[in-house]
C-alpha atoms as a PDB file:
ATOM      1  CA  MET A   1      -6.293  35.152  43.433  1.00  0.00           C
ATOM      2  CA  GLU A   2     -10.064  35.414  42.603  1.00  0.00           C
ATOM      3  CA  GLU A   3     -11.074  33.543  39.424  1.00  0.00           C
ATOM      4  CA  ARG A   4     -12.872  36.169  36.981  1.00  0.00           C
ATOM      5  CA  LYS A   5     -16.660  35.698  36.340  1.00  0.00           C
ATOM      6  CA  LEU A   6     -17.191  33.793  33.243  1.00  0.00           C
ATOM      7  CA  TYR A   7     -19.584  36.704  31.747  1.00  0.00           C
ATOM      8  CA  ASP A   8     -16.869  39.149  32.178  1.00  0.00           C
ATOM      9  CA  ILE A   9     -14.467  36.913  30.242  1.00  0.00           C
ATOM     10  CA  ILE A  10     -16.910  36.591  27.567  1.00  0.00           C
ATOM     11  CA  PHE A  11     -17.565  40.309  27.360  1.00  0.00           C
ATOM     12  CA  ASP A  12     -13.901  41.010  27.285  1.00  0.00           C
ATOM     13  CA  THR A  13     -13.383  38.568  24.371  1.00  0.00           C
ATOM     14  CA  ILE A  14     -16.367  40.309  22.421  1.00  0.00           C
ATOM     15  CA  ARG A  15     -14.963  43.675  22.971  1.00  0.00           C
ATOM     16  CA  GLN A  16     -11.824  42.513  21.083  1.00  0.00           C
ATOM     17  CA  ILE A  17     -13.940  42.055  17.832  1.00  0.00           C
ATOM     18  CA  PRO A  18     -12.950  44.969  15.694  1.00  0.00           C
ATOM     19  CA  THR A  19     -15.546  47.490  13.939  1.00  0.00           C
ATOM     20  CA  GLY A  20     -16.452  45.818  10.657  1.00  0.00           C
ATOM     21  CA  LYS A  21     -15.893  42.180  11.710  1.00  0.00           C
ATOM     22  CA  VAL A  22     -18.099  39.342  13.150  1.00  0.00           C
ATOM     23  CA  ALA A  23     -17.444  36.255  15.188  1.00  0.00           C
ATOM     24  CA  SER A  24     -19.801  33.260  15.813  1.00  0.00           C
ATOM     25  CA  TYR A  25     -21.151  32.196  19.092  1.00  0.00           C
ATOM     26  CA  GLY A  26     -19.147  28.983  18.755  1.00  0.00           C
ATOM     27  CA  GLN A  27     -15.888  30.922  18.077  1.00  0.00           C
ATOM     28  CA  ILE A  28     -16.226  32.896  21.113  1.00  0.00           C
ATOM     29  CA  ALA A  29     -17.071  29.858  23.238  1.00  0.00           C
ATOM     30  CA  ALA A  30     -13.819  28.173  21.813  1.00  0.00           C
ATOM     31  CA  ILE A  31     -11.727  31.296  22.749  1.00  0.00           C
ATOM     32  CA  VAL A  32     -13.220  31.465  26.217  1.00  0.00           C
ATOM     33  CA  GLY A  33     -12.827  27.656  26.773  1.00  0.00           C
ATOM     34  CA  ARG A  34     -15.070  26.942  29.368  1.00  0.00           C
ATOM     35  CA  CYS A  35     -18.633  27.462  28.000  1.00  0.00           C
ATOM     36  CA  SER A  36     -20.899  26.615  25.134  1.00  0.00           C
ATOM     37  CA  ALA A  37     -22.153  28.755  22.123  1.00  0.00           C
ATOM     38  CA  GLN A  38     -25.667  28.710  24.006  1.00  0.00           C
ATOM     39  CA  MET A  39     -23.832  30.258  26.939  1.00  0.00           C
ATOM     40  CA  ILE A  40     -22.556  33.102  24.821  1.00  0.00           C
ATOM     41  CA  GLY A  41     -26.063  33.657  23.823  1.00  0.00           C
ATOM     42  CA  PHE A  42     -27.287  33.689  27.254  1.00  0.00           C
ATOM     43  CA  ALA A  43     -24.643  36.148  28.341  1.00  0.00           C
ATOM     44  CA  LEU A  44     -25.435  38.521  25.391  1.00  0.00           C
ATOM     45  CA  ALA A  45     -29.026  38.359  26.384  1.00  0.00           C
ATOM     46  CA  SER A  46     -28.230  39.456  29.978  1.00  0.00           C
ATOM     47  CA  LEU A  47     -27.048  42.799  28.566  1.00  0.00           C
ATOM     48  CA  ALA A  48     -30.663  43.734  27.383  1.00  0.00           C
ATOM     49  CA  GLY A  49     -31.469  46.928  29.426  1.00  0.00           C
ATOM     50  CA  SER A  50     -28.193  46.923  31.141  1.00  0.00           C
ATOM     51  CA  PRO A  51     -26.124  50.129  31.299  1.00  0.00           C
ATOM     52  CA  THR A  52     -22.949  47.988  31.715  1.00  0.00           C
ATOM     53  CA  GLY A  53     -23.602  46.325  28.647  1.00  0.00           C
ATOM     54  CA  THR A  54     -23.360  49.281  26.448  1.00  0.00           C
ATOM     55  CA  ASP A  55     -19.675  48.814  25.655  1.00  0.00           C
ATOM     56  CA  VAL A  56     -19.972  45.237  24.632  1.00  0.00           C
ATOM     57  CA  PRO A  57     -20.409  45.048  20.742  1.00  0.00           C
ATOM     58  CA  TRP A  58     -22.972  42.409  20.863  1.00  0.00           C
ATOM     59  CA  GLN A  59     -24.077  43.004  17.442  1.00  0.00           C
ATOM     60  CA  ARG A  60     -20.884  41.497  16.079  1.00  0.00           C
ATOM     61  CA  VAL A  61     -21.719  37.907  17.193  1.00  0.00           C
ATOM     62  CA  VAL A  62     -23.688  35.804  14.744  1.00  0.00           C
ATOM     63  CA  ASN A  63     -24.530  32.318  14.425  1.00  0.00           C
ATOM     64  CA  GLY A  64     -22.172  29.731  12.732  1.00  0.00           C
ATOM     65  CA  GLU A  65     -23.969  30.096   9.380  1.00  0.00           C
ATOM     66  CA  GLY A  66     -23.200  33.862   9.169  1.00  0.00           C
ATOM     67  CA  LYS A  67     -26.829  34.807  10.070  1.00  0.00           C
ATOM     68  CA  ILE A  68     -28.418  36.959  12.749  1.00  0.00           C
ATOM     69  CA  SER A  69     -30.165  34.685  15.347  1.00  0.00           C
ATOM     70  CA  PRO A  70     -33.520  36.103  16.489  1.00  0.00           C
ATOM     71  CA  HIS A  71     -33.651  38.349  19.462  1.00  0.00           C
ATOM     72  CA  GLY A  72     -36.647  39.422  21.577  1.00  0.00           C
ATOM     73  CA  PHE A  73     -39.340  38.084  19.229  1.00  0.00           C
ATOM     74  CA  GLY A  74     -37.237  39.567  16.223  1.00  0.00           C
ATOM     75  CA  LEU A  75     -37.165  43.118  17.285  1.00  0.00           C
ATOM     76  CA  GLY A  76     -33.500  42.918  17.983  1.00  0.00           C
ATOM     77  CA  SER A  77     -32.633  41.548  14.685  1.00  0.00           C
ATOM     78  CA  GLY A  78     -33.378  44.270  12.808  1.00  0.00           C
ATOM     79  CA  MET A  79     -31.361  46.474  15.131  1.00  0.00           C
ATOM     80  CA  GLN A  80     -28.468  44.305  14.831  1.00  0.00           C
ATOM     81  CA  ARG A  81     -28.407  44.310  11.029  1.00  0.00           C
ATOM     82  CA  ALA A  82     -28.700  47.943  11.080  1.00  0.00           C
ATOM     83  CA  LEU A  83     -25.735  48.317  13.323  1.00  0.00           C
ATOM     84  CA  LEU A  84     -23.616  45.723  11.417  1.00  0.00           C
ATOM     85  CA  GLU A  85     -24.513  47.671   8.184  1.00  0.00           C
ATOM     86  CA  GLU A  86     -23.405  50.912   9.761  1.00  0.00           C
ATOM     87  CA  GLU A  87     -19.989  49.262  10.368  1.00  0.00           C
ATOM     88  CA  GLY A  88     -19.776  48.430   6.620  1.00  0.00           C
ATOM     89  CA  ILE A  89     -20.801  44.826   6.780  1.00  0.00           C
ATOM     90  CA  VAL A  90     -22.712  43.798   3.638  1.00  0.00           C
ATOM     91  CA  PHE A  91     -25.330  41.054   3.732  1.00  0.00           C
ATOM     92  CA  GLU A  92     -25.553  38.398   1.009  1.00  0.00           C
ATOM     93  CA  PRO A  93     -28.924  38.038  -0.763  1.00  0.00           C
ATOM     94  CA  ASP A  94     -29.578  35.065   1.589  1.00  0.00           C
ATOM     95  CA  HIS A  95     -29.163  37.338   4.600  1.00  0.00           C
ATOM     96  CA  THR A  96     -25.880  35.911   5.515  1.00  0.00           C
ATOM     97  CA  ILE A  97     -22.541  37.511   6.363  1.00  0.00           C
ATOM     98  CA  ASP A  98     -19.360  36.300   4.421  1.00  0.00           C
ATOM     99  CA  PHE A  99     -17.001  34.922   7.062  1.00  0.00           C
ATOM    100  CA  GLU A 100     -14.119  35.139   4.548  1.00  0.00           C
ATOM    101  CA  LYS A 101     -14.552  38.759   4.120  1.00  0.00           C
ATOM    102  CA  TYR A 102     -15.876  39.953   7.554  1.00  0.00           C
ATOM    103  CA  GLY A 103     -14.948  37.191  10.068  1.00  0.00           C
ATOM    104  CA  TRP A 104     -12.682  38.153  12.893  1.00  0.00           C
ATOM    105  CA  LEU A 105      -9.650  35.732  13.160  1.00  0.00           C
ATOM    106  CA  GLY A 106      -9.655  35.631  16.916  1.00  0.00           C
ATOM    107  CA  VAL A 107      -7.663  36.777  19.899  1.00  0.00           C
ATOM    108  CA  PRO A 108      -4.826  39.111  18.720  1.00  0.00           C
ATOM    109  CA  ASN A 109      -1.356  37.785  18.946  1.00  0.00           C
ATOM    110  CA  GLY A 110       0.237  38.125  22.504  1.00  0.00           C
ATOM    111  CA  GLN A 111      -3.126  37.721  24.224  1.00  0.00           C
ATOM    112  CA  LYS A 112      -3.780  34.414  25.859  1.00  0.00           C
ATOM    113  CA  GLN A 113      -6.812  32.465  25.391  1.00  0.00           C
ATOM    114  CA  HIS A 114      -8.742  31.483  28.632  1.00  0.00           C
ATOM    115  CA  LYS A 115      -8.680  27.966  29.218  1.00  0.00           C
ATOM    116  CA  ARG A 116     -10.855  25.667  31.222  1.00  0.00           C
ATOM    117  CA  SER A 117      -9.934  25.625  34.825  1.00  0.00           C
ATOM    118  CA  PRO A 118      -9.180  22.153  36.369  1.00  0.00           C
ATOM    119  CA  GLN A 119     -12.292  20.557  38.050  1.00  0.00           C
END
């Protein structure tokens, strides 16, 4: 059986984040189980200009402080905020998102997490 590609697993996990909810890079890395938060950022950055990336709700991934991380010299950050606001997410005055209110709790029941494969 062929092992799935890491970016495909990352994207499948991000696709599970429902509209109006967010997750952190670290949270996605913990669910995927064989990568770092930085690798989640690299995976999402690879979607830029990719027609295959259009169904990945990249805007729903924010940093651990509940803030939008800078994208493409700041140009993508405004787009990400606008997309999240369209989904009903309200930003605090300090530009953070309240994880208590808008945080995604993780993989739905019945779905397994992806574990690190033995080395």
